[in-house]
Amino acid sequence: MRLNEITYTNAVPIDGYGPGFFRIGGEVHEGSVLTGPGGTGPWGGFTDSESLLGLANQVDVLFIGTGADLSHIPSDLRSTLEEAGIGVEIMNSPAACRTYNVLLSEGRRIALALLPV
């Protein structure tokens, strides 16, 4: 079997997560978090559309992790993001972390907004 080292170009991967935190690029972030090509920082949850709209023209897809369980996001948030040209994929936070890392390793234009597990 041949193993290849993965290089991330414009963002950092999710290293791990646990109750109330995410480890991203070696740093621990408490609570909800937004990460992508512009860096990593706190996210205000479903009512914080402004920080997500700041990703327009930077990403093609935004993954939203809804915590431990899959749940719907507010329909007005989805509409606002899609009108800004940001594709939205909703999944539970663990699945969103895994998917983000895979697509990040492929060099895709993506970002990730996470609610804690």
PDB file of N, CA and C in Angstrom:
ATOM      1  N   MET A   1       0.836  -1.161   0.000  1.00  0.00           N
ATOM      2  CA  MET A   1       0.000   0.000   0.000  1.00  0.00           C
ATOM      3  C   MET A   1       0.891   1.237   0.000  1.00  0.00           C
ATOM      4  N   ARG A   2       0.532   2.223  -0.801  1.00  0.00           N
ATOM      5  CA  ARG A   2       1.283   3.468  -0.861  1.00  0.00           C
ATOM      6  C   ARG A   2       0.535   4.535  -0.073  1.00  0.00           C
ATOM      7  N   LEU A   3       1.237   5.206   0.824  1.00  0.00           N
ATOM      8  CA  LEU A   3       0.650   6.280   1.617  1.00  0.00           C
ATOM      9  C   LEU A   3       1.162   7.618   1.109  1.00  0.00           C
ATOM     10  N   ASN A   4       0.265   8.556   0.970  1.00  0.00           N
ATOM     11  CA  ASN A   4       0.629   9.895   0.539  1.00  0.00           C
ATOM     12  C   ASN A   4       0.326  10.890   1.643  1.00  0.00           C
ATOM     13  N   GLU A   5       1.241  11.811   1.851  1.00  0.00           N
ATOM     14  CA  GLU A   5       0.996  12.858   2.832  1.00  0.00           C
ATOM     15  C   GLU A   5       0.028  13.865   2.239  1.00  0.00           C
ATOM     16  N   ILE A   6      -0.933  14.292   3.045  1.00  0.00           N
ATOM     17  CA  ILE A   6      -1.927  15.265   2.595  1.00  0.00           C
ATOM     18  C   ILE A   6      -1.435  16.660   2.933  1.00  0.00           C
ATOM     19  N   THR A   7      -1.519  17.557   1.946  1.00  0.00           N
ATOM     20  CA  THR A   7      -1.161  18.956   2.185  1.00  0.00           C
ATOM     21  C   THR A   7      -2.411  19.801   2.006  1.00  0.00           C
ATOM     22  N   TYR A   8      -2.624  20.718   2.943  1.00  0.00           N
ATOM     23  CA  TYR A   8      -3.760  21.623   2.881  1.00  0.00           C
ATOM     24  C   TYR A   8      -3.235  22.984   2.466  1.00  0.00           C
ATOM     25  N   THR A   9      -3.843  23.561   1.441  1.00  0.00           N
ATOM     26  CA  THR A   9      -3.295  24.783   0.872  1.00  0.00           C
ATOM     27  C   THR A   9      -3.818  26.063   1.515  1.00  0.00           C
ATOM     28  N   ASN A  10      -5.129  26.246   1.584  1.00  0.00           N
ATOM     29  CA  ASN A  10      -5.640  27.555   1.996  1.00  0.00           C
ATOM     30  C   ASN A  10      -6.456  27.540   3.290  1.00  0.00           C
ATOM     31  N   ALA A  11      -6.487  26.444   3.980  1.00  0.00           N
ATOM     32  CA  ALA A  11      -7.215  26.355   5.245  1.00  0.00           C
ATOM     33  C   ALA A  11      -6.616  25.202   6.046  1.00  0.00           C
ATOM     34  N   VAL A  12      -7.052  25.063   7.275  1.00  0.00           N
ATOM     35  CA  VAL A  12      -6.504  24.003   8.123  1.00  0.00           C
ATOM     36  C   VAL A  12      -7.574  22.955   8.406  1.00  0.00           C
ATOM     37  N   PRO A  13      -7.166  21.698   8.610  1.00  0.00           N
ATOM     38  CA  PRO A  13      -8.133  20.628   8.830  1.00  0.00           C
ATOM     39  C   PRO A  13      -8.665  20.597  10.256  1.00  0.00           C
ATOM     40  N   ILE A  14      -9.743  19.854  10.418  1.00  0.00           N
ATOM     41  CA  ILE A  14     -10.294  19.578  11.732  1.00  0.00           C
ATOM     42  C   ILE A  14      -9.503  18.400  12.296  1.00  0.00           C
ATOM     43  N   ASP A  15      -8.836  18.604  13.421  1.00  0.00           N
ATOM     44  CA  ASP A  15      -8.030  17.551  14.030  1.00  0.00           C
ATOM     45  C   ASP A  15      -8.857  16.662  14.952  1.00  0.00           C
ATOM     46  N   GLY A  16      -9.905  17.212  15.556  1.00  0.00           N
ATOM     47  CA  GLY A  16     -10.730  16.454  16.477  1.00  0.00           C
ATOM     48  C   GLY A  16     -11.826  17.319  17.064  1.00  0.00           C
ATOM     49  N   TYR A  17     -12.687  16.676  17.842  1.00  0.00           N
ATOM     50  CA  TYR A  17     -13.786  17.388  18.490  1.00  0.00           C
ATOM     51  C   TYR A  17     -14.242  16.579  19.691  1.00  0.00           C
ATOM     52  N   GLY A  18     -14.953  17.246  20.565  1.00  0.00           N
ATOM     53  CA  GLY A  18     -15.493  16.596  21.747  1.00  0.00           C
ATOM     54  C   GLY A  18     -16.603  17.453  22.306  1.00  0.00           C
ATOM     55  N   PRO A  19     -17.100  17.125  23.490  1.00  0.00           N
ATOM     56  CA  PRO A  19     -18.203  17.892  24.064  1.00  0.00           C
ATOM     57  C   PRO A  19     -17.859  19.374  24.218  1.00  0.00           C
ATOM     58  N   GLY A  20     -18.429  20.206  23.363  1.00  0.00           N
ATOM     59  CA  GLY A  20     -18.269  21.651  23.470  1.00  0.00           C
ATOM     60  C   GLY A  20     -17.032  22.248  22.833  1.00  0.00           C
ATOM     61  N   PHE A  21     -16.200  21.449  22.147  1.00  0.00           N
ATOM     62  CA  PHE A  21     -14.991  22.019  21.548  1.00  0.00           C
ATOM     63  C   PHE A  21     -14.649  21.349  20.217  1.00  0.00           C
ATOM     64  N   PHE A  22     -13.815  22.053  19.447  1.00  0.00           N
ATOM     65  CA  PHE A  22     -13.244  21.538  18.206  1.00  0.00           C
ATOM     66  C   PHE A  22     -11.747  21.837  18.226  1.00  0.00           C
ATOM     67  N   ARG A  23     -10.931  20.920  17.745  1.00  0.00           N
ATOM     68  CA  ARG A  23      -9.495  21.159  17.596  1.00  0.00           C
ATOM     69  C   ARG A  23      -9.245  21.323  16.099  1.00  0.00           C
ATOM     70  N   ILE A  24      -8.825  22.523  15.716  1.00  0.00           N
ATOM     71  CA  ILE A  24      -8.665  22.878  14.310  1.00  0.00           C
ATOM     72  C   ILE A  24      -7.254  23.406  14.111  1.00  0.00           C
ATOM     73  N   GLY A  25      -6.507  22.736  13.245  1.00  0.00           N
ATOM     74  CA  GLY A  25      -5.134  23.157  12.992  1.00  0.00           C
ATOM     75  C   GLY A  25      -4.287  23.182  14.248  1.00  0.00           C
ATOM     76  N   GLY A  26      -4.565  22.272  15.186  1.00  0.00           N
ATOM     77  CA  GLY A  26      -3.788  22.187  16.414  1.00  0.00           C
ATOM     78  C   GLY A  26      -4.260  23.087  17.541  1.00  0.00           C
ATOM     79  N   GLU A  27      -5.258  23.952  17.304  1.00  0.00           N
ATOM     80  CA  GLU A  27      -5.764  24.856  18.335  1.00  0.00           C
ATOM     81  C   GLU A  27      -7.160  24.437  18.768  1.00  0.00           C
ATOM     82  N   VAL A  28      -7.434  24.536  20.059  1.00  0.00           N
ATOM     83  CA  VAL A  28      -8.750  24.202  20.592  1.00  0.00           C
ATOM     84  C   VAL A  28      -9.647  25.437  20.551  1.00  0.00           C
ATOM     85  N   HIS A  29     -10.864  25.249  20.019  1.00  0.00           N
ATOM     86  CA  HIS A  29     -11.871  26.311  19.945  1.00  0.00           C
ATOM     87  C   HIS A  29     -13.110  25.837  20.675  1.00  0.00           C
ATOM     88  N   GLU A  30     -13.539  26.607  21.658  1.00  0.00           N
ATOM     89  CA  GLU A  30     -14.733  26.272  22.443  1.00  0.00           C
ATOM     90  C   GLU A  30     -15.983  26.798  21.746  1.00  0.00           C
ATOM     91  N   GLY A  31     -17.073  26.052  21.813  1.00  0.00           N
ATOM     92  CA  GLY A  31     -18.356  26.502  21.287  1.00  0.00           C
ATOM     93  C   GLY A  31     -18.446  26.408  19.781  1.00  0.00           C
ATOM     94  N   SER A  32     -19.380  27.157  19.226  1.00  0.00           N
ATOM     95  CA  SER A  32     -19.609  27.170  17.775  1.00  0.00           C
ATOM     96  C   SER A  32     -18.445  27.847  17.072  1.00  0.00           C
ATOM     97  N   VAL A  33     -18.097  27.337  15.893  1.00  0.00           N
ATOM     98  CA  VAL A  33     -16.910  27.823  15.201  1.00  0.00           C
ATOM     99  C   VAL A  33     -17.150  27.870  13.690  1.00  0.00           C
ATOM    100  N   LEU A  34     -16.475  28.804  13.036  1.00  0.00           N
ATOM    101  CA  LEU A  34     -16.489  28.943  11.585  1.00  0.00           C
ATOM    102  C   LEU A  34     -15.051  28.872  11.108  1.00  0.00           C
ATOM    103  N   THR A  35     -14.787  28.004  10.130  1.00  0.00           N
ATOM    104  CA  THR A  35     -13.436  27.881   9.594  1.00  0.00           C
ATOM    105  C   THR A  35     -13.486  27.771   8.078  1.00  0.00           C
ATOM    106  N   GLY A  36     -12.458  28.302   7.452  1.00  0.00           N
ATOM    107  CA  GLY A  36     -12.382  28.285   5.993  1.00  0.00           C
ATOM    108  C   GLY A  36     -11.146  29.015   5.530  1.00  0.00           C
ATOM    109  N   PRO A  37     -11.168  29.492   4.291  1.00  0.00           N
ATOM    110  CA  PRO A  37      -9.974  30.131   3.734  1.00  0.00           C
ATOM    111  C   PRO A  37      -9.536  31.393   4.472  1.00  0.00           C
ATOM    112  N   GLY A  38     -10.437  32.054   5.167  1.00  0.00           N
ATOM    113  CA  GLY A  38     -10.085  33.277   5.887  1.00  0.00           C
ATOM    114  C   GLY A  38      -9.611  33.041   7.309  1.00  0.00           C
ATOM    115  N   GLY A  39      -9.562  31.786   7.741  1.00  0.00           N
ATOM    116  CA  GLY A  39      -9.134  31.476   9.097  1.00  0.00           C
ATOM    117  C   GLY A  39     -10.261  30.866   9.912  1.00  0.00           C
ATOM    118  N   THR A  40     -10.025  30.776  11.201  1.00  0.00           N
ATOM    119  CA  THR A  40     -10.971  30.137  12.110  1.00  0.00           C
ATOM    120  C   THR A  40     -11.328  31.096  13.234  1.00  0.00           C
ATOM    121  N   GLY A  41     -12.607  31.120  13.587  1.00  0.00           N
ATOM    122  CA  GLY A  41     -13.050  31.976  14.682  1.00  0.00           C
ATOM    123  C   GLY A  41     -14.404  31.552  15.187  1.00  0.00           C
ATOM    124  N   PRO A  42     -14.913  32.246  16.192  1.00  0.00           N
ATOM    125  CA  PRO A  42     -16.225  31.904  16.742  1.00  0.00           C
ATOM    126  C   PRO A  42     -17.330  32.201  15.727  1.00  0.00           C
ATOM    127  N   TRP A  43     -18.405  31.438  15.851  1.00  0.00           N
ATOM    128  CA  TRP A  43     -19.587  31.639  15.012  1.00  0.00           C
ATOM    129  C   TRP A  43     -20.787  31.770  15.922  1.00  0.00           C
ATOM    130  N   GLY A  44     -21.661  32.708  15.654  1.00  0.00           N
ATOM    131  CA  GLY A  44     -22.819  32.987  16.505  1.00  0.00           C
ATOM    132  C   GLY A  44     -24.006  32.072  16.293  1.00  0.00           C
ATOM    133  N   GLY A  45     -23.855  31.013  15.525  1.00  0.00           N
ATOM    134  CA  GLY A  45     -24.962  30.087  15.295  1.00  0.00           C
ATOM    135  C   GLY A  45     -25.873  30.565  14.176  1.00  0.00           C
ATOM    136  N   PHE A  46     -27.067  29.998  14.118  1.00  0.00           N
ATOM    137  CA  PHE A  46     -27.983  30.241  13.001  1.00  0.00           C
ATOM    138  C   PHE A  46     -28.394  31.698  12.843  1.00  0.00           C
ATOM    139  N   THR A  47     -28.280  32.502  13.887  1.00  0.00           N
ATOM    140  CA  THR A  47     -28.640  33.914  13.772  1.00  0.00           C
ATOM    141  C   THR A  47     -27.496  34.769  13.244  1.00  0.00           C
ATOM    142  N   ASP A  48     -26.328  34.193  13.092  1.00  0.00           N
ATOM    143  CA  ASP A  48     -25.136  34.920  12.625  1.00  0.00           C
ATOM    144  C   ASP A  48     -24.914  34.672  11.137  1.00  0.00           C
ATOM    145  N   SER A  49     -25.763  35.258  10.315  1.00  0.00           N
ATOM    146  CA  SER A  49     -25.616  35.071   8.868  1.00  0.00           C
ATOM    147  C   SER A  49     -24.531  35.974   8.281  1.00  0.00           C
ATOM    148  N   GLU A  50     -24.213  37.076   8.959  1.00  0.00           N
ATOM    149  CA  GLU A  50     -23.231  38.021   8.417  1.00  0.00           C
ATOM    150  C   GLU A  50     -21.855  37.387   8.212  1.00  0.00           C
ATOM    151  N   SER A  51     -21.393  36.630   9.196  1.00  0.00           N
ATOM    152  CA  SER A  51     -20.073  36.012   9.042  1.00  0.00           C
ATOM    153  C   SER A  51     -20.091  34.968   7.931  1.00  0.00           C
ATOM    154  N   LEU A  52     -21.229  34.310   7.734  1.00  0.00           N
ATOM    155  CA  LEU A  52     -21.338  33.333   6.652  1.00  0.00           C
ATOM    156  C   LEU A  52     -21.389  34.024   5.294  1.00  0.00           C
ATOM    157  N   LEU A  53     -22.091  35.146   5.218  1.00  0.00           N
ATOM    158  CA  LEU A  53     -22.165  35.892   3.957  1.00  0.00           C
ATOM    159  C   LEU A  53     -20.808  36.454   3.556  1.00  0.00           C
ATOM    160  N   GLY A  54     -19.929  36.651   4.518  1.00  0.00           N
ATOM    161  CA  GLY A  54     -18.573  37.102   4.215  1.00  0.00           C
ATOM    162  C   GLY A  54     -17.784  36.085   3.404  1.00  0.00           C
ATOM    163  N   LEU A  55     -18.307  34.877   3.295  1.00  0.00           N
ATOM    164  CA  LEU A  55     -17.636  33.827   2.515  1.00  0.00           C
ATOM    165  C   LEU A  55     -17.996  33.868   1.031  1.00  0.00           C
ATOM    166  N   ALA A  56     -18.970  34.690   0.674  1.00  0.00           N
ATOM    167  CA  ALA A  56     -19.380  34.779  -0.737  1.00  0.00           C
ATOM    168  C   ALA A  56     -18.171  35.103  -1.605  1.00  0.00           C
ATOM    169  N   ASN A  57     -18.091  34.459  -2.738  1.00  0.00           N
ATOM    170  CA  ASN A  57     -16.990  34.584  -3.706  1.00  0.00           C
ATOM    171  C   ASN A  57     -15.688  33.962  -3.218  1.00  0.00           C
ATOM    172  N   GLN A  58     -15.669  33.399  -2.017  1.00  0.00           N
ATOM    173  CA  GLN A  58     -14.477  32.710  -1.511  1.00  0.00           C
ATOM    174  C   GLN A  58     -14.651  31.200  -1.522  1.00  0.00           C
ATOM    175  N   VAL A  59     -15.911  30.758  -1.362  1.00  0.00           N
ATOM    176  CA  VAL A  59     -16.186  29.315  -1.298  1.00  0.00           C
ATOM    177  C   VAL A  59     -17.352  28.973  -2.221  1.00  0.00           C
ATOM    178  N   ASP A  60     -17.365  27.721  -2.638  1.00  0.00           N
ATOM    179  CA  ASP A  60     -18.487  27.216  -3.433  1.00  0.00           C
ATOM    180  C   ASP A  60     -19.521  26.534  -2.548  1.00  0.00           C
ATOM    181  N   VAL A  61     -19.035  25.888  -1.485  1.00  0.00           N
ATOM    182  CA  VAL A  61     -19.928  25.150  -0.591  1.00  0.00           C
ATOM    183  C   VAL A  61     -19.577  25.446   0.859  1.00  0.00           C
ATOM    184  N   LEU A  62     -20.618  25.650   1.648  1.00  0.00           N
ATOM    185  CA  LEU A  62     -20.496  25.808   3.091  1.00  0.00           C
ATOM    186  C   LEU A  62     -21.159  24.602   3.736  1.00  0.00           C
ATOM    187  N   PHE A  63     -20.397  23.866   4.534  1.00  0.00           N
ATOM    188  CA  PHE A  63     -20.958  22.766   5.311  1.00  0.00           C
ATOM    189  C   PHE A  63     -21.370  23.324   6.660  1.00  0.00           C
ATOM    190  N   ILE A  64     -22.594  23.012   7.075  1.00  0.00           N
ATOM    191  CA  ILE A  64     -23.068  23.442   8.378  1.00  0.00           C
ATOM    192  C   ILE A  64     -23.295  22.192   9.214  1.00  0.00           C
ATOM    193  N   GLY A  65     -22.530  22.083  10.297  1.00  0.00           N
ATOM    194  CA  GLY A  65     -22.686  20.979  11.239  1.00  0.00           C
ATOM    195  C   GLY A  65     -23.656  21.394  12.322  1.00  0.00           C
ATOM    196  N   THR A  66     -24.738  20.632  12.485  1.00  0.00           N
ATOM    197  CA  THR A  66     -25.822  21.014  13.393  1.00  0.00           C
ATOM    198  C   THR A  66     -25.711  20.382  14.775  1.00  0.00           C
ATOM    199  N   GLY A  67     -24.509  20.005  15.183  1.00  0.00           N
ATOM    200  CA  GLY A  67     -24.316  19.398  16.494  1.00  0.00           C
ATOM    201  C   GLY A  67     -24.264  17.888  16.394  1.00  0.00           C
ATOM    202  N   ALA A  68     -24.607  17.216  17.475  1.00  0.00           N
ATOM    203  CA  ALA A  68     -24.534  15.755  17.507  1.00  0.00           C
ATOM    204  C   ALA A  68     -25.551  15.109  16.581  1.00  0.00           C
ATOM    205  N   ASP A  69     -26.687  15.760  16.388  1.00  0.00           N
ATOM    206  CA  ASP A  69     -27.751  15.215  15.547  1.00  0.00           C
ATOM    207  C   ASP A  69     -28.009  16.119  14.355  1.00  0.00           C
ATOM    208  N   LEU A  70     -28.446  15.527  13.280  1.00  0.00           N
ATOM    209  CA  LEU A  70     -28.830  16.284  12.091  1.00  0.00           C
ATOM    210  C   LEU A  70     -30.139  17.010  12.363  1.00  0.00           C
ATOM    211  N   SER A  71     -30.169  18.288  12.051  1.00  0.00           N
ATOM    212  CA  SER A  71     -31.413  19.050  12.168  1.00  0.00           C
ATOM    213  C   SER A  71     -31.463  20.072  11.046  1.00  0.00           C
ATOM    214  N   HIS A  72     -32.632  20.626  10.829  1.00  0.00           N
ATOM    215  CA  HIS A  72     -32.803  21.622   9.776  1.00  0.00           C
ATOM    216  C   HIS A  72     -32.276  22.972  10.254  1.00  0.00           C
ATOM    217  N   ILE A  73     -31.810  23.771   9.291  1.00  0.00           N
ATOM    218  CA  ILE A  73     -31.449  25.146   9.609  1.00  0.00           C
ATOM    219  C   ILE A  73     -32.642  26.019   9.239  1.00  0.00           C
ATOM    220  N   PRO A  74     -32.725  27.230   9.769  1.00  0.00           N
ATOM    221  CA  PRO A  74     -33.840  28.106   9.403  1.00  0.00           C
ATOM    222  C   PRO A  74     -33.873  28.328   7.883  1.00  0.00           C
ATOM    223  N   SER A  75     -35.064  28.251   7.317  1.00  0.00           N
ATOM    224  CA  SER A  75     -35.195  28.369   5.857  1.00  0.00           C
ATOM    225  C   SER A  75     -34.731  29.733   5.352  1.00  0.00           C
ATOM    226  N   ASP A  76     -34.909  30.801   6.145  1.00  0.00           N
ATOM    227  CA  ASP A  76     -34.443  32.109   5.699  1.00  0.00           C
ATOM    228  C   ASP A  76     -32.917  32.174   5.649  1.00  0.00           C
ATOM    229  N   LEU A  77     -32.228  31.448   6.535  1.00  0.00           N
ATOM    230  CA  LEU A  77     -30.764  31.404   6.491  1.00  0.00           C
ATOM    231  C   LEU A  77     -30.301  30.696   5.220  1.00  0.00           C
ATOM    232  N   ARG A  78     -30.915  29.555   4.916  1.00  0.00           N
ATOM    233  CA  ARG A  78     -30.561  28.829   3.696  1.00  0.00           C
ATOM    234  C   ARG A  78     -30.800  29.701   2.461  1.00  0.00           C
ATOM    235  N   SER A  79     -31.942  30.355   2.398  1.00  0.00           N
ATOM    236  CA  SER A  79     -32.264  31.214   1.248  1.00  0.00           C
ATOM    237  C   SER A  79     -31.262  32.345   1.101  1.00  0.00           C
ATOM    238  N   THR A  80     -30.917  32.987   2.213  1.00  0.00           N
ATOM    239  CA  THR A  80     -29.964  34.100   2.185  1.00  0.00           C
ATOM    240  C   THR A  80     -28.609  33.645   1.650  1.00  0.00           C
ATOM    241  N   LEU A  81     -28.133  32.493   2.107  1.00  0.00           N
ATOM    242  CA  LEU A  81     -26.840  31.977   1.663  1.00  0.00           C
ATOM    243  C   LEU A  81     -26.872  31.586   0.190  1.00  0.00           C
ATOM    244  N   GLU A  82     -27.935  30.920  -0.221  1.00  0.00           N
ATOM    245  CA  GLU A  82     -28.019  30.496  -1.619  1.00  0.00           C
ATOM    246  C   GLU A  82     -28.152  31.693  -2.558  1.00  0.00           C
ATOM    247  N   GLU A  83     -28.865  32.742  -2.145  1.00  0.00           N
ATOM    248  CA  GLU A  83     -28.972  33.958  -2.952  1.00  0.00           C
ATOM    249  C   GLU A  83     -27.610  34.639  -3.098  1.00  0.00           C
ATOM    250  N   ALA A  84     -26.732  34.457  -2.114  1.00  0.00           N
ATOM    251  CA  ALA A  84     -25.380  35.026  -2.169  1.00  0.00           C
ATOM    252  C   ALA A  84     -24.431  34.149  -2.986  1.00  0.00           C
ATOM    253  N   GLY A  85     -24.937  33.033  -3.505  1.00  0.00           N
ATOM    254  CA  GLY A  85     -24.103  32.155  -4.327  1.00  0.00           C
ATOM    255  C   GLY A  85     -23.318  31.127  -3.530  1.00  0.00           C
ATOM    256  N   ILE A  86     -23.708  30.906  -2.285  1.00  0.00           N
ATOM    257  CA  ILE A  86     -23.023  29.928  -1.439  1.00  0.00           C
ATOM    258  C   ILE A  86     -23.875  28.665  -1.369  1.00  0.00           C
ATOM    259  N   GLY A  87     -23.341  27.565  -1.860  1.00  0.00           N
ATOM    260  CA  GLY A  87     -24.030  26.283  -1.724  1.00  0.00           C
ATOM    261  C   GLY A  87     -23.990  25.850  -0.277  1.00  0.00           C
ATOM    262  N   VAL A  88     -25.058  25.225   0.190  1.00  0.00           N
ATOM    263  CA  VAL A  88     -25.169  24.847   1.591  1.00  0.00           C
ATOM    264  C   VAL A  88     -25.434  23.345   1.703  1.00  0.00           C
ATOM    265  N   GLU A  89     -24.652  22.681   2.536  1.00  0.00           N
ATOM    266  CA  GLU A  89     -24.865  21.266   2.845  1.00  0.00           C
ATOM    267  C   GLU A  89     -24.990  21.133   4.349  1.00  0.00           C
ATOM    268  N   ILE A  90     -26.067  20.509   4.790  1.00  0.00           N
ATOM    269  CA  ILE A  90     -26.351  20.365   6.210  1.00  0.00           C
ATOM    270  C   ILE A  90     -26.108  18.913   6.625  1.00  0.00           C
ATOM    271  N   MET A  91     -25.412  18.718   7.729  1.00  0.00           N
ATOM    272  CA  MET A  91     -25.201  17.383   8.288  1.00  0.00           C
ATOM    273  C   MET A  91     -24.861  17.529   9.761  1.00  0.00           C
ATOM    274  N   ASN A  92     -24.796  16.422  10.487  1.00  0.00           N
ATOM    275  CA  ASN A  92     -24.389  16.558  11.879  1.00  0.00           C
ATOM    276  C   ASN A  92     -22.912  16.968  11.910  1.00  0.00           C
ATOM    277  N   SER A  93     -22.468  17.512  13.011  1.00  0.00           N
ATOM    278  CA  SER A  93     -21.110  18.064  13.082  1.00  0.00           C
ATOM    279  C   SER A  93     -20.006  17.033  12.840  1.00  0.00           C
ATOM    280  N   PRO A  94     -20.089  15.806  13.398  1.00  0.00           N
ATOM    281  CA  PRO A  94     -19.036  14.833  13.097  1.00  0.00           C
ATOM    282  C   PRO A  94     -18.915  14.530  11.596  1.00  0.00           C
ATOM    283  N   ALA A  95     -20.034  14.337  10.920  1.00  0.00           N
ATOM    284  CA  ALA A  95     -20.001  14.062   9.478  1.00  0.00           C
ATOM    285  C   ALA A  95     -19.487  15.276   8.710  1.00  0.00           C
ATOM    286  N   ALA A  96     -19.867  16.476   9.147  1.00  0.00           N
ATOM    287  CA  ALA A  96     -19.404  17.696   8.486  1.00  0.00           C
ATOM    288  C   ALA A  96     -17.886  17.834   8.605  1.00  0.00           C
ATOM    289  N   CYS A  97     -17.332  17.500   9.763  1.00  0.00           N
ATOM    290  CA  CYS A  97     -15.876  17.560   9.961  1.00  0.00           C
ATOM    291  C   CYS A  97     -15.161  16.603   9.012  1.00  0.00           C
ATOM    292  N   ARG A  98     -15.636  15.379   8.929  1.00  0.00           N
ATOM    293  CA  ARG A  98     -15.002  14.387   8.051  1.00  0.00           C
ATOM    294  C   ARG A  98     -15.081  14.811   6.590  1.00  0.00           C
ATOM    295  N   THR A  99     -16.254  15.254   6.168  1.00  0.00           N
ATOM    296  CA  THR A  99     -16.450  15.659   4.775  1.00  0.00           C
ATOM    297  C   THR A  99     -15.580  16.863   4.439  1.00  0.00           C
ATOM    298  N   TYR A 100     -15.530  17.817   5.342  1.00  0.00           N
ATOM    299  CA  TYR A 100     -14.706  19.015   5.158  1.00  0.00           C
ATOM    300  C   TYR A 100     -13.238  18.629   4.945  1.00  0.00           C
ATOM    301  N   ASN A 101     -12.720  17.746   5.788  1.00  0.00           N
ATOM    302  CA  ASN A 101     -11.317  17.345   5.665  1.00  0.00           C
ATOM    303  C   ASN A 101     -11.029  16.672   4.329  1.00  0.00           C
ATOM    304  N   VAL A 102     -11.916  15.803   3.887  1.00  0.00           N
ATOM    305  CA  VAL A 102     -11.706  15.117   2.601  1.00  0.00           C
ATOM    306  C   VAL A 102     -11.688  16.127   1.454  1.00  0.00           C
ATOM    307  N   LEU A 103     -12.676  17.006   1.414  1.00  0.00           N
ATOM    308  CA  LEU A 103     -12.738  17.972   0.316  1.00  0.00           C
ATOM    309  C   LEU A 103     -11.635  19.019   0.413  1.00  0.00           C
ATOM    310  N   LEU A 104     -11.237  19.358   1.620  1.00  0.00           N
ATOM    311  CA  LEU A 104     -10.129  20.284   1.804  1.00  0.00           C
ATOM    312  C   LEU A 104      -8.843  19.694   1.235  1.00  0.00           C
ATOM    313  N   SER A 105      -8.638  18.398   1.451  1.00  0.00           N
ATOM    314  CA  SER A 105      -7.429  17.740   0.932  1.00  0.00           C
ATOM    315  C   SER A 105      -7.421  17.686  -0.589  1.00  0.00           C
ATOM    316  N   GLU A 106      -8.590  17.832  -1.201  1.00  0.00           N
ATOM    317  CA  GLU A 106      -8.695  17.864  -2.660  1.00  0.00           C
ATOM    318  C   GLU A 106      -8.552  19.279  -3.216  1.00  0.00           C
ATOM    319  N   GLY A 107      -8.373  20.252  -2.337  1.00  0.00           N
ATOM    320  CA  GLY A 107      -8.190  21.632  -2.763  1.00  0.00           C
ATOM    321  C   GLY A 107      -9.479  22.352  -3.114  1.00  0.00           C
ATOM    322  N   ARG A 108     -10.611  21.870  -2.634  1.00  0.00           N
ATOM    323  CA  ARG A 108     -11.897  22.497  -2.939  1.00  0.00           C
ATOM    324  C   ARG A 108     -12.073  23.812  -2.203  1.00  0.00           C
ATOM    325  N   ARG A 109     -12.933  24.668  -2.746  1.00  0.00           N
ATOM    326  CA  ARG A 109     -13.262  25.965  -2.138  1.00  0.00           C
ATOM    327  C   ARG A 109     -14.439  25.759  -1.182  1.00  0.00           C
ATOM    328  N   ILE A 110     -14.121  25.475   0.081  1.00  0.00           N
ATOM    329  CA  ILE A 110     -15.161  25.134   1.061  1.00  0.00           C
ATOM    330  C   ILE A 110     -14.918  25.853   2.375  1.00  0.00           C
ATOM    331  N   ALA A 111     -15.967  25.883   3.186  1.00  0.00           N
ATOM    332  CA  ALA A 111     -15.872  26.405   4.548  1.00  0.00           C
ATOM    333  C   ALA A 111     -16.783  25.542   5.423  1.00  0.00           C
ATOM    334  N   LEU A 112     -16.648  25.713   6.724  1.00  0.00           N
ATOM    335  CA  LEU A 112     -17.353  24.870   7.671  1.00  0.00           C
ATOM    336  C   LEU A 112     -17.818  25.691   8.861  1.00  0.00           C
ATOM    337  N   ALA A 113     -19.116  25.646   9.141  1.00  0.00           N
ATOM    338  CA  ALA A 113     -19.700  26.278  10.324  1.00  0.00           C
ATOM    339  C   ALA A 113     -20.228  25.155  11.210  1.00  0.00           C
ATOM    340  N   LEU A 114     -19.796  25.142  12.463  1.00  0.00           N
ATOM    341  CA  LEU A 114     -20.103  24.019  13.341  1.00  0.00           C
ATOM    342  C   LEU A 114     -20.758  24.444  14.650  1.00  0.00           C
ATOM    343  N   LEU A 115     -21.810  23.717  15.007  1.00  0.00           N
ATOM    344  CA  LEU A 115     -22.346  23.779  16.360  1.00  0.00           C
ATOM    345  C   LEU A 115     -21.721  22.629  17.134  1.00  0.00           C
ATOM    346  N   PRO A 116     -21.393  22.815  18.404  1.00  0.00           N
ATOM    347  CA  PRO A 116     -20.696  21.775  19.148  1.00  0.00           C
ATOM    348  C   PRO A 116     -21.547  20.522  19.367  1.00  0.00           C
ATOM    349  N   VAL A 117     -20.833  19.411  19.569  1.00  0.00           N
ATOM    350  CA  VAL A 117     -21.490  18.126  19.856  1.00  0.00           C
ATOM    351  C   VAL A 117     -21.666  17.982  21.348  1.00  0.00           C
TER     352      VAL A 117
END
